[in-house]
């Protein structure tokens, strides 16, 4: 090691540390860069890091949106299966007295599968839409038919053709309903 003040000398060898500040002599940094060059280099790296970070955030957001769309498509298809099982279960219940023993066992199995799928939907935060006050709300219902019903207010739900569902508070599928329309 050199003497303090000599080109190879400095603080580690027991000499005084290099001077710093506005009046300090030009000091070389790692990689043979001056302090000004190092600052410019680090600034460039920071800008590059911020751009990459923003790009990654955008990509992550796009992936989340795509995942959510795929998840909703899958859940809607699952809901169609639940609808079919619900209709089958309803039909079986109306004819239960006519069924023989194997058919009743099959009917119980259909009901069991239906309930399991409903629990799976609930576990995925998918819940049926509740019709408050028996009135159709355009945010949660799609009117697929109307009928006259004197003495009942317009928009009163007479029949639910297809049940609606929410996921995490958002409407996943609107309920399809028949309502009162008194002209």
Protein backbone atom coordinates (compact mmCIF):
# COMPACT_ATOMS: atom_id res chain seq x y z
CA UNK A 1 0.00 0.00 0.00
CA UNK A 2 1.13 3.49 -0.69
CA UNK A 3 1.58 6.40 1.61
CA UNK A 4 -1.37 8.63 2.47
CA UNK A 5 -1.77 11.22 -0.17
CA UNK A 6 0.06 9.11 -2.76
CA UNK A 7 -1.92 7.68 -5.72
CA UNK A 8 -2.48 4.26 -4.06
CA UNK A 9 -2.93 5.60 -0.52
CA UNK A 10 -6.06 6.37 1.39
CA UNK A 11 -8.08 5.59 4.49
CA UNK A 12 -7.74 1.78 4.61
CA UNK A 13 -3.94 1.99 5.03
CA UNK A 14 -4.25 4.29 8.02
CA UNK A 15 -4.13 7.58 6.13
CA UNK A 16 -6.87 10.12 6.04
CA UNK A 17 -9.97 9.44 3.90
CA UNK A 18 -10.29 11.14 0.52
CA UNK A 19 -11.81 14.59 0.66
CA UNK A 20 -15.47 15.01 -0.29
CA UNK A 21 -17.66 17.98 -0.98
CA UNK A 22 -17.88 20.85 -3.44
CA UNK A 23 -14.22 21.81 -3.27
CA UNK A 24 -12.90 18.25 -3.14
CA UNK A 25 -10.60 17.02 -5.85
CA UNK A 26 -12.11 14.78 -8.54
CA UNK A 27 -12.49 11.31 -6.93
CA UNK A 28 -12.75 8.09 -8.95
CA UNK A 29 -15.48 5.59 -8.06
CA UNK A 30 -15.80 1.88 -8.72
CA UNK A 31 -15.46 0.80 -12.34
CA UNK A 32 -13.22 3.76 -12.99
CA UNK A 33 -16.13 6.23 -13.18
CA UNK A 34 -16.10 9.70 -11.77
CA UNK A 35 -18.75 10.61 -9.21
CA UNK A 36 -20.68 12.51 -11.85
CA UNK A 37 -20.52 9.59 -14.27
CA UNK A 38 -21.56 7.16 -11.51
CA UNK A 39 -24.53 9.36 -10.63
CA UNK A 40 -25.60 9.47 -14.29
CA UNK A 41 -25.10 5.70 -14.56
CA UNK A 42 -27.15 5.00 -11.42
CA UNK A 43 -29.88 7.40 -12.55
CA UNK A 44 -30.10 5.54 -15.86
CA UNK A 45 -30.31 2.21 -14.05
CA UNK A 46 -33.05 3.55 -11.77
CA UNK A 47 -35.06 4.79 -14.75
CA UNK A 48 -34.59 1.40 -16.46
CA UNK A 49 -35.70 -0.38 -13.28
CA UNK A 50 -38.81 1.82 -12.99
CA UNK A 51 -39.73 1.15 -16.64
CA UNK A 52 -39.34 -2.59 -16.15
CA UNK A 53 -41.36 -2.43 -12.94
CA UNK A 54 -44.17 -0.53 -14.70
CA UNK A 55 -44.09 -3.05 -17.56
CA UNK A 56 -44.31 -5.94 -15.12
CA UNK A 57 -47.21 -4.29 -13.28
CA UNK A 58 -49.04 -3.85 -16.58
CA UNK A 59 -48.40 -7.47 -17.56
CA UNK A 60 -49.59 -8.67 -14.14
CA UNK A 61 -52.74 -6.59 -14.43
CA UNK A 62 -53.43 -8.03 -17.89
CA UNK A 63 -52.87 -11.57 -16.58
CA UNK A 64 -55.25 -10.96 -13.66
CA UNK A 65 -57.91 -9.67 -16.07
CA UNK A 66 -57.46 -12.67 -18.37
CA UNK A 67 -57.59 -15.08 -15.41
CA UNK A 68 -60.75 -13.44 -14.09
CA UNK A 69 -62.40 -13.71 -17.53
CA UNK A 70 -61.47 -17.43 -17.78
CA UNK A 71 -62.71 -18.03 -14.24
CA UNK A 72 -66.04 -16.33 -14.94
CA UNK A 73 -66.49 -18.33 -18.16
CA UNK A 74 -65.82 -21.56 -16.27
CA UNK A 75 -68.22 -20.58 -13.48
CA UNK A 76 -70.96 -19.66 -15.98
CA UNK A 77 -70.59 -23.08 -17.61
CA UNK A 78 -70.74 -24.73 -14.21
CA UNK A 79 -73.89 -22.73 -13.42
CA UNK A 80 -75.48 -24.12 -16.61
CA UNK A 81 -74.81 -27.63 -15.30
CA UNK A 82 -76.33 -26.66 -11.94
CA UNK A 83 -79.39 -25.34 -13.82
CA UNK A 84 -79.76 -28.62 -15.72
CA UNK A 85 -79.42 -30.66 -12.52
CA UNK A 86 -81.93 -28.40 -10.77
CA UNK A 87 -84.45 -28.92 -13.59
CA UNK A 88 -83.83 -32.67 -13.54
CA UNK A 89 -84.17 -32.77 -9.75
CA UNK A 90 -87.46 -30.83 -9.96
CA UNK A 91 -88.82 -33.17 -12.64
CA UNK A 92 -87.85 -36.23 -10.61
CA UNK A 93 -89.56 -34.86 -7.49
CA UNK A 94 -92.84 -34.37 -9.36
CA UNK A 95 -92.77 -38.01 -10.53
CA UNK A 96 -91.15 -39.60 -7.50
CA UNK A 97 -94.18 -41.79 -6.74
CA UNK A 98 -93.89 -43.41 -10.18
CA UNK A 99 -90.21 -44.37 -9.80
CA UNK A 100 -88.95 -47.85 -9.02
CA UNK A 101 -86.15 -48.49 -6.52
CA UNK A 102 -83.17 -48.10 -8.93
CA UNK A 103 -84.68 -44.90 -10.34
CA UNK A 104 -85.11 -43.49 -6.81
CA UNK A 105 -81.44 -44.25 -6.08
CA UNK A 106 -80.50 -42.48 -9.29
CA UNK A 107 -82.69 -39.54 -8.28
CA UNK A 108 -80.89 -39.31 -4.92
CA UNK A 109 -77.53 -39.33 -6.72
CA UNK A 110 -78.65 -36.52 -9.02
CA UNK A 111 -79.76 -34.50 -5.98
CA UNK A 112 -76.45 -35.17 -4.24
CA UNK A 113 -74.42 -34.03 -7.27
CA UNK A 114 -76.63 -30.93 -7.53
CA UNK A 115 -76.01 -30.01 -3.89
CA UNK A 116 -72.25 -30.63 -4.19
CA UNK A 117 -72.02 -28.33 -7.20
CA UNK A 118 -74.00 -25.66 -5.36
CA UNK A 119 -71.57 -25.88 -2.42
CA UNK A 120 -68.65 -25.65 -4.84
CA UNK A 121 -70.14 -22.43 -6.24
CA UNK A 122 -70.65 -21.05 -2.73
CA UNK A 123 -67.03 -21.91 -1.85
CA UNK A 124 -66.02 -19.87 -4.92
CA UNK A 125 -68.04 -16.92 -3.54
CA UNK A 126 -70.78 -17.45 -6.16
CA UNK A 127 -74.21 -16.97 -4.59
CA UNK A 128 -77.74 -16.79 -6.00
CA UNK A 129 -79.21 -13.32 -6.46
CA UNK A 130 -81.92 -12.55 -3.94
CA UNK A 131 -84.97 -10.72 -5.29
CA UNK A 132 -85.81 -8.14 -2.64
CA UNK A 133 -89.47 -7.19 -2.17
CA UNK A 134 -90.39 -9.49 -5.05
CA UNK A 135 -89.62 -6.73 -7.55
CA UNK A 136 -87.33 -7.05 -10.57
CA UNK A 137 -84.31 -4.74 -10.48
CA UNK A 138 -82.74 -4.08 -13.87
CA UNK A 139 -79.24 -4.34 -12.36
CA UNK A 140 -79.82 -7.96 -11.34
CA UNK A 141 -82.70 -9.14 -13.55
CA UNK A 142 -83.43 -9.61 -17.22
CA UNK A 143 -87.14 -9.56 -17.99
CA UNK A 144 -87.88 -12.34 -20.48
CA UNK A 145 -91.65 -12.07 -20.34
CA UNK A 146 -94.53 -10.12 -18.86
CA UNK A 147 -98.12 -10.90 -17.85
CA UNK A 148 -101.11 -8.97 -16.70
CA UNK A 149 -101.85 -9.27 -12.99
CA UNK A 150 -104.31 -6.69 -11.75
CA UNK A 151 -103.84 -5.61 -8.19
CA UNK A 152 -100.09 -6.27 -8.30
CA UNK A 153 -97.55 -3.53 -9.06
CA UNK A 154 -95.52 -3.49 -12.27
CA UNK A 155 -92.13 -5.24 -12.07
CA UNK A 156 -93.44 -7.79 -9.54
CA UNK A 157 -91.69 -11.08 -10.27
CA UNK A 158 -94.20 -13.79 -11.16
CA UNK A 159 -91.71 -16.48 -12.16
CA UNK A 160 -87.93 -16.97 -12.17
CA UNK A 161 -87.01 -18.70 -15.44
CA UNK A 162 -83.27 -18.87 -14.67
CA UNK A 163 -81.70 -18.01 -11.36
CA UNK A 164 -79.14 -15.19 -11.31
CA UNK A 165 -75.79 -15.29 -9.54
CA UNK A 166 -73.27 -12.91 -7.99
CA UNK A 167 -69.56 -13.37 -7.50
CA UNK A 168 -67.84 -11.27 -4.84
CA UNK A 169 -70.77 -8.84 -4.89
CA UNK A 170 -70.76 -8.39 -8.70
CA UNK A 171 -73.46 -9.77 -10.97
CA UNK A 172 -72.13 -12.84 -12.76
CA UNK A 173 -75.41 -13.72 -14.48
CA UNK A 174 -78.67 -11.80 -14.29
CA UNK A 175 -81.78 -13.64 -13.19
CA UNK A 176 -84.23 -14.20 -16.04
CA UNK A 177 -87.72 -13.39 -14.82
CA UNK A 178 -91.34 -12.98 -15.86
CA UNK A 179 -92.86 -9.84 -14.35
CA UNK A 180 -96.18 -8.03 -14.03
CA UNK A 181 -96.94 -5.40 -16.61
CA UNK A 182 -100.31 -3.71 -16.27
CA UNK A 183 -100.97 -1.47 -19.26
